[in-house]
Amino acid sequence: MIHDVLNEREGHYGDFTTLAPLAQSIKNIFRNAPNASKLTCVQVEVLENIAIKLARILNGDPLLPDNWQDIAGYASLAHEELLNAAQPPPKEVKTPQIKPNAYEAVADAVLPEDPLPVFLTNNKKDKSL
């Protein structure tokens, strides 16, 4: 089963023993570049994955669209990281303090159990005024 996968990959990307040194050579160019130390982790990972895709294109079938699509996808991840880093941090939004009007203040007040005057009518408590 695994041999079937490896044979298929070799048909697309060429012999792995020639692919690996080619990919490592491309990666070494990135690693030894003057600004390599300024790269973010995302950028390093993107470049390493692009190096593999370039090696596959150069060692195998250059007409295979997947490698080209993958390069574009990896590049977009680095681009997205740069765009997100360029965005100013969101400003803190403070919730305005709304002071209750007089009615709300009274409505929420804790009142005694029987706050209204009690008038006795027909020996019943009547709270109407």
Protein backbone atom coordinates (compact mmCIF):
# COMPACT_ATOMS: atom_id res chain seq x y z
CA MET A 1 0.00 0.00 0.00
CA ILE A 2 2.69 2.54 1.02
CA HIS A 3 4.71 1.51 -2.04
CA ASP A 4 1.77 2.48 -4.24
CA VAL A 5 1.72 5.96 -2.69
CA LEU A 6 5.50 6.33 -3.00
CA ASN A 7 5.41 5.22 -6.65
CA GLU A 8 2.64 7.72 -7.38
CA ARG A 9 4.60 10.52 -5.67
CA GLU A 10 7.74 9.61 -7.58
CA GLY A 11 5.76 9.89 -10.81
CA HIS A 12 4.71 13.42 -9.86
CA TYR A 13 7.79 14.72 -8.02
CA GLY A 14 10.69 12.61 -9.25
CA ASP A 15 13.07 10.44 -7.26
CA PHE A 16 13.15 11.43 -3.57
CA THR A 17 16.94 10.94 -3.34
CA THR A 18 17.41 13.80 -5.82
CA LEU A 19 14.46 15.81 -4.48
CA ALA A 20 15.72 15.96 -0.87
CA PRO A 21 19.13 17.58 -1.59
CA LEU A 22 17.50 20.03 -4.00
CA ALA A 23 14.92 21.06 -1.38
CA GLN A 24 17.65 21.40 1.27
CA SER A 25 19.73 23.57 -1.07
CA ILE A 26 16.79 25.91 -1.60
CA LYS A 27 16.10 26.01 2.14
CA ASN A 28 19.76 26.82 2.83
CA ILE A 29 19.52 29.81 0.51
CA PHE A 30 16.64 31.09 2.64
CA ARG A 31 18.40 30.31 5.92
CA ASN A 32 21.62 32.07 4.89
CA ALA A 33 19.98 35.17 3.44
CA PRO A 34 20.96 38.52 5.03
CA ASN A 35 17.51 39.10 6.55
CA ALA A 36 16.76 35.53 7.58
CA SER A 37 16.89 36.48 11.26
CA LYS A 38 14.10 39.03 10.74
CA LEU A 39 11.60 36.42 9.54
CA THR A 40 8.69 35.41 11.71
CA CYS A 41 7.99 31.75 12.44
CA VAL A 42 5.12 31.87 9.95
CA GLN A 43 7.36 33.31 7.25
CA VAL A 44 10.06 30.68 7.87
CA GLU A 45 7.52 27.88 7.70
CA VAL A 46 5.99 29.34 4.53
CA LEU A 47 9.39 29.62 2.84
CA GLU A 48 10.35 26.08 3.82
CA ASN A 49 7.11 24.71 2.41
CA ILE A 50 7.57 26.74 -0.76
CA ALA A 51 11.11 25.33 -1.03
CA ILE A 52 9.69 21.82 -1.05
CA LYS A 53 7.13 22.79 -3.68
CA LEU A 54 9.86 24.41 -5.83
CA ALA A 55 12.00 21.30 -5.52
CA ARG A 56 9.06 19.13 -6.55
CA ILE A 57 8.43 21.33 -9.59
CA LEU A 58 12.12 21.31 -10.59
CA ASN A 59 12.62 17.60 -9.92
CA GLY A 60 9.26 16.25 -11.11
CA ASP A 61 6.34 17.28 -13.27
CA PRO A 62 6.33 21.10 -13.65
CA LEU A 63 2.84 20.93 -15.18
CA LEU A 64 1.25 19.55 -12.03
CA PRO A 65 -1.03 22.40 -10.87
CA ASP A 66 -1.12 21.33 -7.20
CA ASN A 67 2.42 22.55 -6.49
CA TRP A 68 1.73 25.97 -7.99
CA GLN A 69 -1.54 26.26 -6.10
CA ASP A 70 0.19 25.26 -2.85
CA ILE A 71 2.88 27.93 -3.37
CA ALA A 72 0.16 30.55 -3.80
CA GLY A 73 -1.61 29.27 -0.69
CA TYR A 74 1.53 29.37 1.45
CA ALA A 75 2.40 32.86 0.19
CA SER A 76 -1.10 34.04 1.11
CA LEU A 77 -0.57 32.83 4.69
CA ALA A 78 2.54 35.01 5.05
CA HIS A 79 0.71 37.90 3.39
CA GLU A 80 -2.22 37.52 5.79
CA GLU A 81 0.13 37.57 8.77
CA LEU A 82 1.65 40.85 7.55
CA LEU A 83 -1.75 42.43 7.02
CA ASN A 84 -2.90 41.40 10.49
CA ALA A 85 0.29 42.77 12.07
CA ALA A 86 -0.21 46.10 10.28
CA GLN A 87 -3.67 46.56 11.76
CA PRO A 88 -3.73 48.84 14.80
CA PRO A 89 -4.88 47.06 17.93
CA PRO A 90 -8.58 47.51 18.56
CA LYS A 91 -9.38 50.41 20.84
CA GLU A 92 -10.97 49.60 24.14
CA VAL A 93 -14.62 50.51 24.05
CA LYS A 94 -15.89 51.73 27.36
CA THR A 95 -19.50 51.06 28.15
CA PRO A 96 -21.21 54.32 29.01
CA GLN A 97 -22.62 54.53 32.48
CA ILE A 98 -26.31 55.32 32.19
CA LYS A 99 -27.69 56.93 35.26
CA PRO A 100 -31.24 55.92 35.97
CA ASN A 101 -33.88 58.60 35.86
CA ALA A 102 -35.86 59.27 39.02
CA TYR A 103 -38.57 56.73 38.14
CA GLU A 104 -36.07 53.90 37.54
CA ALA A 105 -34.26 54.72 40.76
CA VAL A 106 -37.49 54.49 42.72
CA ALA A 107 -38.71 51.42 40.85
CA ASP A 108 -35.56 49.49 41.80
CA ALA A 109 -35.52 50.72 45.40
CA VAL A 110 -36.07 48.24 48.17
CA LEU A 111 -39.30 49.17 49.82
CA PRO A 112 -40.88 47.92 52.99
CA GLU A 113 -43.26 45.01 52.62
CA ASP A 114 -46.41 47.15 52.90
CA PRO A 115 -45.40 50.68 51.81
CA LEU A 116 -48.82 52.16 51.12
CA PRO A 117 -51.25 53.34 53.76
CA VAL A 118 -53.84 50.78 54.53
CA PHE A 119 -57.46 51.83 54.66
CA LEU A 120 -59.94 49.52 56.15
CA THR A 121 -63.06 49.11 54.16
CA ASN A 122 -65.55 46.43 55.07
CA ASN A 123 -62.95 44.92 57.39
CA LYS A 124 -60.58 44.33 54.39
CA LYS A 125 -57.34 45.98 53.66
CA ASP A 126 -57.78 48.47 50.83
CA LYS A 127 -54.66 50.00 49.36
CA SER A 128 -56.44 52.34 47.01
CA LEU A 129 -56.16 56.04 47.68
